[in-house]
N, C-alpha and C. Protein backbone atom coordinates (compact mmCIF):
# COMPACT_ATOMS: atom_id res chain seq x y z
N MET A 1 96.61 74.98 105.47
CA MET A 1 97.34 76.03 104.83
C MET A 1 96.43 76.85 103.91
N ALA A 2 95.23 76.38 103.69
CA ALA A 2 94.32 77.11 102.81
C ALA A 2 94.02 78.50 103.36
N ILE A 3 93.91 78.62 104.67
CA ILE A 3 93.62 79.95 105.23
C ILE A 3 94.78 80.90 105.02
N ARG A 4 96.02 80.40 105.12
CA ARG A 4 97.19 81.23 104.85
C ARG A 4 97.16 81.72 103.41
N ASP A 5 96.87 80.81 102.48
CA ASP A 5 96.82 81.16 101.07
C ASP A 5 95.71 82.17 100.78
N TRP A 6 94.55 81.99 101.42
CA TRP A 6 93.44 82.91 101.23
C TRP A 6 93.80 84.30 101.76
N LEU A 7 94.42 84.36 102.94
CA LEU A 7 94.81 85.65 103.51
C LEU A 7 95.83 86.35 102.61
N ALA A 8 96.78 85.61 102.07
CA ALA A 8 97.77 86.18 101.15
C ALA A 8 97.08 86.71 99.89
N PHE A 9 96.13 85.96 99.36
CA PHE A 9 95.38 86.38 98.18
C PHE A 9 94.61 87.67 98.46
N GLU A 10 94.13 87.83 99.68
CA GLU A 10 93.37 89.02 100.07
C GLU A 10 94.26 90.21 100.43
N GLY A 11 95.59 90.04 100.31
CA GLY A 11 96.49 91.16 100.52
C GLY A 11 97.19 91.22 101.86
N TRP A 12 97.03 90.20 102.67
CA TRP A 12 97.72 90.15 103.95
C TRP A 12 99.10 89.57 103.70
N ASP A 13 100.07 90.44 103.53
CA ASP A 13 101.41 90.03 103.10
C ASP A 13 102.18 89.24 104.15
N GLU A 14 102.08 89.62 105.39
CA GLU A 14 102.85 88.98 106.45
C GLU A 14 101.91 88.22 107.37
N VAL A 15 101.72 86.97 107.07
CA VAL A 15 100.81 86.12 107.83
C VAL A 15 101.62 85.16 108.68
N PHE A 16 101.33 85.13 109.97
CA PHE A 16 101.93 84.14 110.86
C PHE A 16 100.87 83.10 111.16
N LEU A 17 101.15 81.88 110.78
CA LEU A 17 100.27 80.76 111.09
C LEU A 17 101.15 79.72 111.76
N ASP A 18 100.85 79.40 112.99
CA ASP A 18 101.75 78.54 113.76
C ASP A 18 102.08 77.22 113.08
N LEU A 19 101.18 76.69 112.28
CA LEU A 19 101.40 75.41 111.60
C LEU A 19 102.19 75.53 110.30
N ASP A 20 102.41 76.73 109.82
CA ASP A 20 103.11 76.95 108.56
C ASP A 20 104.57 76.49 108.68
N PRO A 21 105.00 75.51 107.86
CA PRO A 21 106.38 75.01 107.99
C PRO A 21 107.44 76.06 107.65
N ALA A 22 107.12 77.03 106.83
CA ALA A 22 108.10 78.05 106.43
C ALA A 22 108.15 79.24 107.39
N ARG A 23 106.99 79.68 107.89
CA ARG A 23 106.95 80.91 108.69
C ARG A 23 106.33 80.73 110.07
N GLY A 24 105.97 79.51 110.40
CA GLY A 24 105.33 79.24 111.68
C GLY A 24 106.33 78.86 112.75
N ILE A 25 105.93 77.97 113.61
CA ILE A 25 106.78 77.54 114.72
C ILE A 25 107.52 76.27 114.31
N ALA A 26 108.83 76.33 114.34
CA ALA A 26 109.66 75.20 113.95
C ALA A 26 109.71 74.17 115.07
N ALA A 27 109.95 72.92 114.69
CA ALA A 27 110.10 71.85 115.68
C ALA A 27 111.22 72.21 116.64
N GLY A 28 110.98 72.04 117.92
CA GLY A 28 111.98 72.33 118.94
C GLY A 28 112.03 73.79 119.37
N GLU A 29 111.32 74.65 118.66
CA GLU A 29 111.31 76.08 119.01
C GLU A 29 110.46 76.27 120.27
N ARG A 30 110.79 77.29 121.02
CA ARG A 30 109.99 77.61 122.21
C ARG A 30 108.68 78.25 121.74
N TRP A 31 107.67 77.41 121.60
CA TRP A 31 106.44 77.82 120.95
C TRP A 31 105.71 78.92 121.70
N GLU A 32 105.74 78.89 123.03
CA GLU A 32 105.01 79.92 123.78
C GLU A 32 105.64 81.29 123.54
N ARG A 33 106.96 81.35 123.53
CA ARG A 33 107.65 82.60 123.26
C ARG A 33 107.36 83.07 121.82
N SER A 34 107.39 82.14 120.87
CA SER A 34 107.12 82.49 119.47
C SER A 34 105.72 83.07 119.29
N LEU A 35 104.74 82.47 119.96
CA LEU A 35 103.38 82.99 119.87
C LEU A 35 103.27 84.38 120.49
N ASN A 36 103.92 84.60 121.62
CA ASN A 36 103.90 85.91 122.26
C ASN A 36 104.56 86.97 121.37
N GLU A 37 105.68 86.61 120.74
CA GLU A 37 106.36 87.56 119.85
C GLU A 37 105.48 87.88 118.64
N ALA A 38 104.85 86.87 118.07
CA ALA A 38 103.96 87.10 116.92
C ALA A 38 102.79 87.99 117.32
N ALA A 39 102.22 87.76 118.49
CA ALA A 39 101.11 88.58 118.96
C ALA A 39 101.54 90.02 119.18
N SER A 40 102.74 90.23 119.64
CA SER A 40 103.23 91.59 119.86
C SER A 40 103.42 92.34 118.54
N ARG A 41 103.81 91.63 117.49
CA ARG A 41 104.08 92.25 116.19
C ARG A 41 102.83 92.50 115.35
N CYS A 42 101.81 91.72 115.56
CA CYS A 42 100.68 91.74 114.64
C CYS A 42 99.75 92.93 114.86
N GLU A 43 98.94 93.18 113.84
CA GLU A 43 97.89 94.20 113.92
C GLU A 43 96.55 93.57 114.23
N THR A 44 96.33 92.38 113.68
CA THR A 44 95.04 91.72 113.73
C THR A 44 95.23 90.25 114.05
N VAL A 45 94.29 89.68 114.78
CA VAL A 45 94.34 88.25 115.08
C VAL A 45 93.03 87.63 114.61
N LEU A 46 93.17 86.55 113.85
CA LEU A 46 92.02 85.79 113.38
C LEU A 46 91.98 84.48 114.15
N PHE A 47 90.90 84.26 114.87
CA PHE A 47 90.70 83.03 115.61
C PHE A 47 89.73 82.15 114.83
N VAL A 48 90.15 80.94 114.50
CA VAL A 48 89.29 80.00 113.80
C VAL A 48 88.71 79.05 114.86
N ILE A 49 87.42 79.17 115.07
CA ILE A 49 86.75 78.43 116.14
C ILE A 49 86.47 76.99 115.69
N SER A 50 86.89 76.08 116.52
CA SER A 50 86.62 74.66 116.30
C SER A 50 86.35 74.04 117.67
N ARG A 51 85.96 72.80 117.67
CA ARG A 51 85.77 72.11 118.95
C ARG A 51 87.09 72.05 119.71
N ALA A 52 88.17 71.77 118.97
CA ALA A 52 89.50 71.71 119.61
C ALA A 52 89.87 73.06 120.19
N TRP A 53 89.55 74.16 119.47
CA TRP A 53 89.87 75.50 119.98
C TRP A 53 89.14 75.74 121.29
N ARG A 54 87.86 75.43 121.31
CA ARG A 54 87.06 75.66 122.51
C ARG A 54 87.55 74.85 123.71
N ALA A 55 88.15 73.70 123.46
CA ALA A 55 88.61 72.83 124.54
C ALA A 55 90.03 73.17 125.00
N SER A 56 90.71 74.05 124.30
CA SER A 56 92.12 74.33 124.58
C SER A 56 92.30 75.52 125.51
N ARG A 57 92.97 75.30 126.63
CA ARG A 57 93.25 76.44 127.51
C ARG A 57 94.32 77.34 126.90
N TRP A 58 95.20 76.78 126.04
CA TRP A 58 96.24 77.59 125.39
C TRP A 58 95.63 78.55 124.38
N CYS A 59 94.61 78.11 123.66
CA CYS A 59 93.93 79.01 122.72
C CYS A 59 93.27 80.16 123.47
N LEU A 60 92.69 79.88 124.62
CA LEU A 60 92.09 80.94 125.43
C LEU A 60 93.16 81.92 125.90
N LYS A 61 94.34 81.41 126.27
CA LYS A 61 95.44 82.29 126.67
C LYS A 61 95.86 83.20 125.50
N GLU A 62 95.94 82.64 124.29
CA GLU A 62 96.28 83.45 123.12
C GLU A 62 95.23 84.54 122.89
N PHE A 63 93.96 84.16 123.02
CA PHE A 63 92.88 85.12 122.87
C PHE A 63 92.99 86.26 123.89
N ASN A 64 93.21 85.90 125.15
CA ASN A 64 93.32 86.91 126.20
C ASN A 64 94.55 87.80 126.00
N LEU A 65 95.65 87.24 125.53
CA LEU A 65 96.84 88.04 125.22
C LEU A 65 96.52 89.06 124.13
N ALA A 66 95.87 88.62 123.08
CA ALA A 66 95.52 89.54 121.98
C ALA A 66 94.60 90.65 122.48
N ARG A 67 93.67 90.33 123.34
CA ARG A 67 92.78 91.36 123.90
C ARG A 67 93.56 92.36 124.74
N ARG A 68 94.47 91.86 125.60
CA ARG A 68 95.28 92.75 126.43
C ARG A 68 96.16 93.67 125.58
N LEU A 69 96.59 93.19 124.43
CA LEU A 69 97.43 93.99 123.54
C LEU A 69 96.62 94.90 122.61
N ASN A 70 95.30 94.90 122.80
CA ASN A 70 94.39 95.74 122.00
C ASN A 70 94.49 95.48 120.50
N LYS A 71 94.57 94.21 120.13
CA LYS A 71 94.62 93.84 118.71
C LYS A 71 93.21 93.83 118.14
N ARG A 72 93.12 94.06 116.83
CA ARG A 72 91.83 93.88 116.16
C ARG A 72 91.59 92.38 116.12
N LEU A 73 90.42 91.96 116.57
CA LEU A 73 90.10 90.55 116.69
C LEU A 73 88.98 90.17 115.75
N PHE A 74 89.18 89.07 115.03
CA PHE A 74 88.17 88.51 114.17
C PHE A 74 88.04 87.04 114.49
N THR A 75 86.84 86.51 114.26
CA THR A 75 86.61 85.10 114.50
C THR A 75 85.86 84.50 113.32
N SER A 76 86.09 83.24 113.11
CA SER A 76 85.39 82.51 112.07
C SER A 76 85.20 81.08 112.54
N LYS A 77 84.08 80.50 112.17
CA LYS A 77 83.94 79.07 112.40
C LYS A 77 84.84 78.38 111.37
N GLU A 78 85.09 77.11 111.55
CA GLU A 78 85.98 76.41 110.64
C GLU A 78 85.59 76.59 109.18
N ARG A 79 84.34 76.61 108.87
CA ARG A 79 83.89 76.80 107.50
C ARG A 79 82.83 77.90 107.45
N GLY A 80 83.06 78.96 108.21
CA GLY A 80 82.04 80.00 108.33
C GLY A 80 82.48 81.35 107.83
N GLU A 81 81.68 82.31 108.14
CA GLU A 81 81.86 83.68 107.72
C GLU A 81 82.80 84.41 108.68
N LEU A 82 83.63 85.29 108.13
CA LEU A 82 84.55 86.09 108.93
C LEU A 82 83.79 87.25 109.55
N LEU A 83 83.87 87.39 110.87
CA LEU A 83 83.14 88.42 111.59
C LEU A 83 84.04 89.12 112.59
N PRO A 84 83.83 90.43 112.82
CA PRO A 84 84.56 91.09 113.90
C PRO A 84 84.19 90.42 115.22
N LEU A 85 85.15 90.31 116.09
CA LEU A 85 84.92 89.65 117.37
C LEU A 85 84.29 90.62 118.35
N LYS A 86 83.21 90.23 118.95
CA LYS A 86 82.52 91.04 119.96
C LYS A 86 83.17 90.78 121.32
N ALA A 87 83.07 91.74 122.20
CA ALA A 87 83.60 91.56 123.56
C ALA A 87 82.96 90.33 124.18
N GLY A 88 83.79 89.53 124.81
CA GLY A 88 83.31 88.33 125.46
C GLY A 88 83.29 87.13 124.53
N GLY A 89 83.58 87.33 123.22
CA GLY A 89 83.60 86.21 122.28
C GLY A 89 84.95 85.54 122.34
N ALA A 90 85.13 84.53 121.52
CA ALA A 90 86.42 83.85 121.46
C ALA A 90 86.64 83.27 120.08
N GLY A 91 87.86 82.90 119.72
CA GLY A 91 88.08 82.38 118.40
C GLY A 91 89.43 81.71 118.16
N GLY A 92 93.30 80.91 115.55
CA GLY A 92 94.46 81.21 115.32
C GLY A 92 95.30 81.49 114.24
N ALA A 93 95.04 82.26 113.47
CA ALA A 93 96.11 82.77 112.63
C ALA A 93 96.26 84.24 112.95
N THR A 94 97.44 84.72 112.99
CA THR A 94 97.65 86.13 113.23
C THR A 94 98.25 86.79 112.02
N ARG A 95 97.90 88.01 111.81
CA ARG A 95 98.52 88.78 110.75
C ARG A 95 99.63 89.60 111.35
N SER A 96 100.83 89.46 110.84
CA SER A 96 101.98 90.22 111.34
C SER A 96 102.10 91.52 110.58
């Protein structure tokens, strides 16, 4: 939740983070639909790269969806610097 708090501190008022118990995906919710709806609403997508992210085909699907929707894409390593995402790169929290 630290990333959500940091984004809010930086002025990102409407942050969708799938793990957020208040604004993320609730237990039993259709998570794939929720992620697609969040991606449609957002302006920017922040992908936090981890070993788990790289191994997940669902994370790659989220990345490709954001690219198809022409979202501004940023990536960061788990404890790294925030960088604009270059074409062909990869990187989950979305800003709504």
